[in-house]
Amino acid sequence: MTNKKFKVLDLFSGVGGLSYGFAHDDNFEIIAGNELLPDMAKAYSLNHPNVKMYNCDIKDFGLKNLTEDLQIKKR
């Protein structure tokens, strides 16, 4: 039996405190983060280098980004 991981999208992510908890639990996979402030987004990327960071306004971020960049499809 395969262990499917829950996918996590960290919105308003700051430096990645919430993602830190998920990163240390094998039941979760962080697929992306979104943060408006450039310095915070950079710090997030340093803390979570394998996670796609979207440094943009949440109004400009959505399903299109996930489907095009990460091949995540709506069910």
PDB file of N, CA and C in Angstrom:
ATOM      1  N   MET A   1       0.843  -1.194   0.000  1.00  0.00           N
ATOM      2  CA  MET A   1       0.000   0.000   0.000  1.00  0.00           C
ATOM      3  C   MET A   1       0.880   1.245   0.000  1.00  0.00           C
ATOM      4  N   THR A   2       0.577   2.177  -0.883  1.00  0.00           N
ATOM      5  CA  THR A   2       1.345   3.411  -0.965  1.00  0.00           C
ATOM      6  C   THR A   2       0.835   4.430   0.035  1.00  0.00           C
ATOM      7  N   ASN A   3       1.763   5.155   0.595  1.00  0.00           N
ATOM      8  CA  ASN A   3       1.395   6.200   1.540  1.00  0.00           C
ATOM      9  C   ASN A   3       1.266   7.510   0.775  1.00  0.00           C
ATOM     10  N   LYS A   4       0.026   7.930   0.476  1.00  0.00           N
ATOM     11  CA  LYS A   4      -0.192   9.197  -0.213  1.00  0.00           C
ATOM     12  C   LYS A   4       0.004  10.338   0.773  1.00  0.00           C
ATOM     13  N   LYS A   5       0.689  11.365   0.299  1.00  0.00           N
ATOM     14  CA  LYS A   5       0.932  12.526   1.143  1.00  0.00           C
ATOM     15  C   LYS A   5      -0.107  13.605   0.862  1.00  0.00           C
ATOM     16  N   PHE A   6      -0.501  14.306   1.913  1.00  0.00           N
ATOM     17  CA  PHE A   6      -1.368  15.465   1.763  1.00  0.00           C
ATOM     18  C   PHE A   6      -0.518  16.605   1.213  1.00  0.00           C
ATOM     19  N   LYS A   7      -1.023  17.307   0.213  1.00  0.00           N
ATOM     20  CA  LYS A   7      -0.301  18.428  -0.385  1.00  0.00           C
ATOM     21  C   LYS A   7      -0.649  19.709   0.358  1.00  0.00           C
ATOM     22  N   VAL A   8       0.370  20.509   0.656  1.00  0.00           N
ATOM     23  CA  VAL A   8       0.208  21.733   1.428  1.00  0.00           C
ATOM     24  C   VAL A   8       0.555  22.934   0.559  1.00  0.00           C
ATOM     25  N   LEU A   9      -0.305  23.924   0.578  1.00  0.00           N
ATOM     26  CA  LEU A   9      -0.072  25.201  -0.070  1.00  0.00           C
ATOM     27  C   LEU A   9      -0.048  26.241   1.042  1.00  0.00           C
ATOM     28  N   ASP A  10       1.096  26.853   1.277  1.00  0.00           N
ATOM     29  CA  ASP A  10       1.268  27.799   2.377  1.00  0.00           C
ATOM     30  C   ASP A  10       1.009  29.219   1.865  1.00  0.00           C
ATOM     31  N   LEU A  11      -0.162  29.761   2.181  1.00  0.00           N
ATOM     32  CA  LEU A  11      -0.527  31.115   1.776  1.00  0.00           C
ATOM     33  C   LEU A  11      -0.192  32.100   2.891  1.00  0.00           C
ATOM     34  N   PHE A  12       0.142  33.335   2.505  1.00  0.00           N
ATOM     35  CA  PHE A  12       0.582  34.356   3.483  1.00  0.00           C
ATOM     36  C   PHE A  12       1.707  33.754   4.323  1.00  0.00           C
ATOM     37  N   SER A  13       2.676  33.160   3.655  1.00  0.00           N
ATOM     38  CA  SER A  13       3.623  32.241   4.284  1.00  0.00           C
ATOM     39  C   SER A  13       4.695  32.877   5.152  1.00  0.00           C
ATOM     40  N   GLY A  14       4.953  34.168   5.007  1.00  0.00           N
ATOM     41  CA  GLY A  14       6.011  34.771   5.805  1.00  0.00           C
ATOM     42  C   GLY A  14       7.323  34.057   5.552  1.00  0.00           C
ATOM     43  N   VAL A  15       8.051  33.750   6.606  1.00  0.00           N
ATOM     44  CA  VAL A  15       9.340  33.064   6.462  1.00  0.00           C
ATOM     45  C   VAL A  15       9.203  31.547   6.483  1.00  0.00           C
ATOM     46  N   GLY A  16       7.975  31.037   6.658  1.00  0.00           N
ATOM     47  CA  GLY A  16       7.740  29.605   6.548  1.00  0.00           C
ATOM     48  C   GLY A  16       7.592  28.842   7.845  1.00  0.00           C
ATOM     49  N   GLY A  17       7.119  29.498   8.883  1.00  0.00           N
ATOM     50  CA  GLY A  17       6.927  28.817  10.162  1.00  0.00           C
ATOM     51  C   GLY A  17       5.928  27.675  10.083  1.00  0.00           C
ATOM     52  N   LEU A  18       4.812  27.897   9.416  1.00  0.00           N
ATOM     53  CA  LEU A  18       3.811  26.843   9.260  1.00  0.00           C
ATOM     54  C   LEU A  18       4.380  25.697   8.422  1.00  0.00           C
ATOM     55  N   SER A  19       5.073  26.042   7.348  1.00  0.00           N
ATOM     56  CA  SER A  19       5.680  25.018   6.492  1.00  0.00           C
ATOM     57  C   SER A  19       6.715  24.191   7.251  1.00  0.00           C
ATOM     58  N   TYR A  20       7.388  24.809   8.203  1.00  0.00           N
ATOM     59  CA  TYR A  20       8.392  24.083   8.992  1.00  0.00           C
ATOM     60  C   TYR A  20       7.762  22.874   9.676  1.00  0.00           C
ATOM     61  N   GLY A  21       6.590  23.072  10.248  1.00  0.00           N
ATOM     62  CA  GLY A  21       5.903  21.959  10.905  1.00  0.00           C
ATOM     63  C   GLY A  21       5.521  20.863   9.926  1.00  0.00           C
ATOM     64  N   PHE A  22       4.975  21.258   8.774  1.00  0.00           N
ATOM     65  CA  PHE A  22       4.593  20.272   7.762  1.00  0.00           C
ATOM     66  C   PHE A  22       5.816  19.558   7.180  1.00  0.00           C
ATOM     67  N   ALA A  23       6.928  20.275   7.042  1.00  0.00           N
ATOM     68  CA  ALA A  23       8.143  19.698   6.455  1.00  0.00           C
ATOM     69  C   ALA A  23       8.714  18.579   7.321  1.00  0.00           C
ATOM     70  N   HIS A  24       8.393  18.588   8.602  1.00  0.00           N
ATOM     71  CA  HIS A  24       8.917  17.576   9.515  1.00  0.00           C
ATOM     72  C   HIS A  24       7.918  16.458   9.796  1.00  0.00           C
ATOM     73  N   ASP A  25       6.895  16.353   8.948  1.00  0.00           N
ATOM     74  CA  ASP A  25       5.911  15.279   9.071  1.00  0.00           C
ATOM     75  C   ASP A  25       5.819  14.577   7.726  1.00  0.00           C
ATOM     76  N   ASP A  26       6.146  13.303   7.681  1.00  0.00           N
ATOM     77  CA  ASP A  26       6.186  12.545   6.428  1.00  0.00           C
ATOM     78  C   ASP A  26       4.834  12.370   5.752  1.00  0.00           C
ATOM     79  N   ASN A  27       3.757  12.775   6.406  1.00  0.00           N
ATOM     80  CA  ASN A  27       2.427  12.662   5.816  1.00  0.00           C
ATOM     81  C   ASN A  27       2.083  13.831   4.894  1.00  0.00           C
ATOM     82  N   PHE A  28       2.971  14.840   4.835  1.00  0.00           N
ATOM     83  CA  PHE A  28       2.684  16.054   4.079  1.00  0.00           C
ATOM     84  C   PHE A  28       3.789  16.368   3.079  1.00  0.00           C
ATOM     85  N   GLU A  29       3.387  17.026   1.993  1.00  0.00           N
ATOM     86  CA  GLU A  29       4.311  17.517   0.974  1.00  0.00           C
ATOM     87  C   GLU A  29       3.936  18.967   0.685  1.00  0.00           C
ATOM     88  N   ILE A  30       4.858  19.878   0.906  1.00  0.00           N
ATOM     89  CA  ILE A  30       4.608  21.295   0.646  1.00  0.00           C
ATOM     90  C   ILE A  30       4.847  21.532  -0.837  1.00  0.00           C
ATOM     91  N   ILE A  31       3.824  21.988  -1.545  1.00  0.00           N
ATOM     92  CA  ILE A  31       3.953  22.160  -2.990  1.00  0.00           C
ATOM     93  C   ILE A  31       4.286  23.593  -3.388  1.00  0.00           C
ATOM     94  N   ALA A  32       3.888  24.574  -2.583  1.00  0.00           N
ATOM     95  CA  ALA A  32       4.160  25.968  -2.928  1.00  0.00           C
ATOM     96  C   ALA A  32       3.859  26.876  -1.742  1.00  0.00           C
ATOM     97  N   GLY A  33       4.446  28.059  -1.808  1.00  0.00           N
ATOM     98  CA  GLY A  33       4.168  29.099  -0.834  1.00  0.00           C
ATOM     99  C   GLY A  33       3.875  30.398  -1.557  1.00  0.00           C
ATOM    100  N   ASN A  34       3.128  31.271  -0.924  1.00  0.00           N
ATOM    101  CA  ASN A  34       2.816  32.577  -1.487  1.00  0.00           C
ATOM    102  C   ASN A  34       3.036  33.633  -0.428  1.00  0.00           C
ATOM    103  N   GLU A  35       3.808  34.661  -0.782  1.00  0.00           N
ATOM    104  CA  GLU A  35       4.083  35.760   0.143  1.00  0.00           C
ATOM    105  C   GLU A  35       4.245  37.040  -0.662  1.00  0.00           C
ATOM    106  N   LEU A  36       3.612  38.115  -0.225  1.00  0.00           N
ATOM    107  CA  LEU A  36       3.645  39.399  -0.911  1.00  0.00           C
ATOM    108  C   LEU A  36       4.975  40.138  -0.694  1.00  0.00           C
ATOM    109  N   LEU A  37       5.481  40.128   0.516  1.00  0.00           N
ATOM    110  CA  LEU A  37       6.668  40.916   0.848  1.00  0.00           C
ATOM    111  C   LEU A  37       7.949  40.234   0.341  1.00  0.00           C
ATOM    112  N   PRO A  38       8.726  40.929  -0.500  1.00  0.00           N
ATOM    113  CA  PRO A  38       9.912  40.314  -1.120  1.00  0.00           C
ATOM    114  C   PRO A  38      10.931  39.760  -0.130  1.00  0.00           C
ATOM    115  N   ASP A  39      11.223  40.493   0.951  1.00  0.00           N
ATOM    116  CA  ASP A  39      12.214  40.002   1.917  1.00  0.00           C
ATOM    117  C   ASP A  39      11.734  38.740   2.627  1.00  0.00           C
ATOM    118  N   MET A  40      10.456  38.700   2.933  1.00  0.00           N
ATOM    119  CA  MET A  40       9.891  37.505   3.576  1.00  0.00           C
ATOM    120  C   MET A  40       9.901  36.331   2.605  1.00  0.00           C
ATOM    121  N   ALA A  41       9.548  36.583   1.345  1.00  0.00           N
ATOM    122  CA  ALA A  41       9.542  35.524   0.327  1.00  0.00           C
ATOM    123  C   ALA A  41      10.946  34.962   0.146  1.00  0.00           C
ATOM    124  N   LYS A  42      11.950  35.832   0.163  1.00  0.00           N
ATOM    125  CA  LYS A  42      13.339  35.377   0.029  1.00  0.00           C
ATOM    126  C   LYS A  42      13.738  34.524   1.234  1.00  0.00           C
ATOM    127  N   ALA A  43      13.360  34.967   2.420  1.00  0.00           N
ATOM    128  CA  ALA A  43      13.667  34.201   3.632  1.00  0.00           C
ATOM    129  C   ALA A  43      12.969  32.840   3.592  1.00  0.00           C
ATOM    130  N   TYR A  44      11.719  32.816   3.105  1.00  0.00           N
ATOM    131  CA  TYR A  44      11.005  31.543   2.975  1.00  0.00           C
ATOM    132  C   TYR A  44      11.791  30.608   2.068  1.00  0.00           C
ATOM    133  N   SER A  45      12.229  31.123   0.927  1.00  0.00           N
ATOM    134  CA  SER A  45      12.978  30.297  -0.035  1.00  0.00           C
ATOM    135  C   SER A  45      14.292  29.792   0.553  1.00  0.00           C
ATOM    136  N   LEU A  46      14.917  30.582   1.396  1.00  0.00           N
ATOM    137  CA  LEU A  46      16.131  30.115   2.067  1.00  0.00           C
ATOM    138  C   LEU A  46      15.811  29.016   3.078  1.00  0.00           C
ATOM    139  N   ASN A  47      14.683  29.159   3.768  1.00  0.00           N
ATOM    140  CA  ASN A  47      14.272  28.156   4.760  1.00  0.00           C
ATOM    141  C   ASN A  47      13.720  26.888   4.123  1.00  0.00           C
ATOM    142  N   HIS A  48      13.125  27.027   2.936  1.00  0.00           N
ATOM    143  CA  HIS A  48      12.487  25.896   2.242  1.00  0.00           C
ATOM    144  C   HIS A  48      12.903  25.912   0.768  1.00  0.00           C
ATOM    145  N   PRO A  49      14.149  25.573   0.487  1.00  0.00           N
ATOM    146  CA  PRO A  49      14.679  25.714  -0.881  1.00  0.00           C
ATOM    147  C   PRO A  49      14.016  24.815  -1.931  1.00  0.00           C
ATOM    148  N   ASN A  50      13.348  23.770  -1.524  1.00  0.00           N
ATOM    149  CA  ASN A  50      12.724  22.855  -2.484  1.00  0.00           C
ATOM    150  C   ASN A  50      11.254  23.156  -2.742  1.00  0.00           C
ATOM    151  N   VAL A  51      10.768  24.266  -2.204  1.00  0.00           N
ATOM    152  CA  VAL A  51       9.363  24.639  -2.349  1.00  0.00           C
ATOM    153  C   VAL A  51       9.268  25.834  -3.305  1.00  0.00           C
ATOM    154  N   LYS A  52       8.354  25.767  -4.252  1.00  0.00           N
ATOM    155  CA  LYS A  52       8.120  26.857  -5.202  1.00  0.00           C
ATOM    156  C   LYS A  52       7.494  28.032  -4.461  1.00  0.00           C
ATOM    157  N   MET A  53       8.164  29.196  -4.518  1.00  0.00           N
ATOM    158  CA  MET A  53       7.654  30.403  -3.858  1.00  0.00           C
ATOM    159  C   MET A  53       7.083  31.346  -4.910  1.00  0.00           C
ATOM    160  N   TYR A  54       5.865  31.819  -4.655  1.00  0.00           N
ATOM    161  CA  TYR A  54       5.237  32.823  -5.499  1.00  0.00           C
ATOM    162  C   TYR A  54       5.251  34.134  -4.733  1.00  0.00           C
ATOM    163  N   ASN A  55       6.122  35.046  -5.135  1.00  0.00           N
ATOM    164  CA  ASN A  55       6.228  36.356  -4.498  1.00  0.00           C
ATOM    165  C   ASN A  55       5.320  37.315  -5.263  1.00  0.00           C
ATOM    166  N   CYS A  56       4.028  37.303  -4.893  1.00  0.00           N
ATOM    167  CA  CYS A  56       3.054  38.149  -5.578  1.00  0.00           C
ATOM    168  C   CYS A  56       1.844  38.354  -4.673  1.00  0.00           C
ATOM    169  N   ASP A  57       1.011  39.283  -5.071  1.00  0.00           N
ATOM    170  CA  ASP A  57      -0.239  39.518  -4.362  1.00  0.00           C
ATOM    171  C   ASP A  57      -1.132  38.288  -4.502  1.00  0.00           C
ATOM    172  N   ILE A  58      -1.800  37.917  -3.458  1.00  0.00           N
ATOM    173  CA  ILE A  58      -2.676  36.734  -3.466  1.00  0.00           C
ATOM    174  C   ILE A  58      -3.766  36.860  -4.538  1.00  0.00           C
ATOM    175  N   LYS A  59      -4.123  38.085  -4.889  1.00  0.00           N
ATOM    176  CA  LYS A  59      -5.134  38.302  -5.937  1.00  0.00           C
ATOM    177  C   LYS A  59      -4.622  37.862  -7.306  1.00  0.00           C
ATOM    178  N   ASP A  60      -3.299  37.809  -7.466  1.00  0.00           N
ATOM    179  CA  ASP A  60      -2.696  37.429  -8.743  1.00  0.00           C
ATOM    180  C   ASP A  60      -2.217  35.978  -8.755  1.00  0.00           C
ATOM    181  N   PHE A  61      -2.555  35.229  -7.743  1.00  0.00           N
ATOM    182  CA  PHE A  61      -2.110  33.852  -7.592  1.00  0.00           C
ATOM    183  C   PHE A  61      -3.328  32.941  -7.583  1.00  0.00           C
ATOM    184  N   GLY A  62      -3.244  31.818  -8.290  1.00  0.00           N
ATOM    185  CA  GLY A  62      -4.395  30.925  -8.290  1.00  0.00           C
ATOM    186  C   GLY A  62      -4.133  29.594  -8.949  1.00  0.00           C
ATOM    187  N   LEU A  63      -5.208  28.936  -9.303  1.00  0.00           N
ATOM    188  CA  LEU A  63      -5.156  27.604  -9.876  1.00  0.00           C
ATOM    189  C   LEU A  63      -4.325  27.565 -11.150  1.00  0.00           C
ATOM    190  N   LYS A  64      -4.373  28.637 -11.930  1.00  0.00           N
ATOM    191  CA  LYS A  64      -3.587  28.692 -13.168  1.00  0.00           C
ATOM    192  C   LYS A  64      -2.099  28.489 -12.876  1.00  0.00           C
ATOM    193  N   ASN A  65      -1.589  29.121 -11.817  1.00  0.00           N
ATOM    194  CA  ASN A  65      -0.184  28.953 -11.445  1.00  0.00           C
ATOM    195  C   ASN A  65       0.121  27.502 -11.108  1.00  0.00           C
ATOM    196  N   LEU A  66      -0.756  26.883 -10.350  1.00  0.00           N
ATOM    197  CA  LEU A  66      -0.515  25.511  -9.917  1.00  0.00           C
ATOM    198  C   LEU A  66      -0.602  24.526 -11.076  1.00  0.00           C
ATOM    199  N   THR A  67      -1.534  24.763 -11.986  1.00  0.00           N
ATOM    200  CA  THR A  67      -1.664  23.829 -13.113  1.00  0.00           C
ATOM    201  C   THR A  67      -0.522  23.997 -14.098  1.00  0.00           C
ATOM    202  N   GLU A  68      -0.108  25.236 -14.372  1.00  0.00           N
ATOM    203  CA  GLU A  68       0.966  25.471 -15.344  1.00  0.00           C
ATOM    204  C   GLU A  68       2.340  25.137 -14.776  1.00  0.00           C
ATOM    205  N   ASP A  69       2.625  25.572 -13.566  1.00  0.00           N
ATOM    206  CA  ASP A  69       3.966  25.417 -12.998  1.00  0.00           C
ATOM    207  C   ASP A  69       4.198  24.063 -12.339  1.00  0.00           C
ATOM    208  N   LEU A  70       3.172  23.553 -11.676  1.00  0.00           N
ATOM    209  CA  LEU A  70       3.358  22.344 -10.862  1.00  0.00           C
ATOM    210  C   LEU A  70       2.547  21.144 -11.360  1.00  0.00           C
ATOM    211  N   GLN A  71       1.832  21.323 -12.435  1.00  0.00           N
ATOM    212  CA  GLN A  71       0.995  20.263 -13.010  1.00  0.00           C
ATOM    213  C   GLN A  71       0.000  19.696 -11.994  1.00  0.00           C
ATOM    214  N   ILE A  72      -0.534  20.564 -11.133  1.00  0.00           N
ATOM    215  CA  ILE A  72      -1.556  20.187 -10.165  1.00  0.00           C
ATOM    216  C   ILE A  72      -2.897  20.443 -10.837  1.00  0.00           C
ATOM    217  N   LYS A  73      -3.766  19.460 -10.852  1.00  0.00           N
ATOM    218  CA  LYS A  73      -5.040  19.606 -11.521  1.00  0.00           C
ATOM    219  C   LYS A  73      -6.191  19.599 -10.523  1.00  0.00           C
ATOM    220  N   LYS A  74      -7.208  20.390 -10.843  1.00  0.00           N
ATOM    221  CA  LYS A  74      -8.427  20.438 -10.033  1.00  0.00           C
ATOM    222  C   LYS A  74      -9.182  19.126 -10.226  1.00  0.00           C
ATOM    223  N   ARG A  75      -9.673  18.565  -9.140  1.00  0.00           N
ATOM    224  CA  ARG A  75     -10.447  17.321  -9.206  1.00  0.00           C
ATOM    225  C   ARG A  75     -11.914  17.588  -9.255  1.00  0.00           C
TER     226      ARG A  75
END
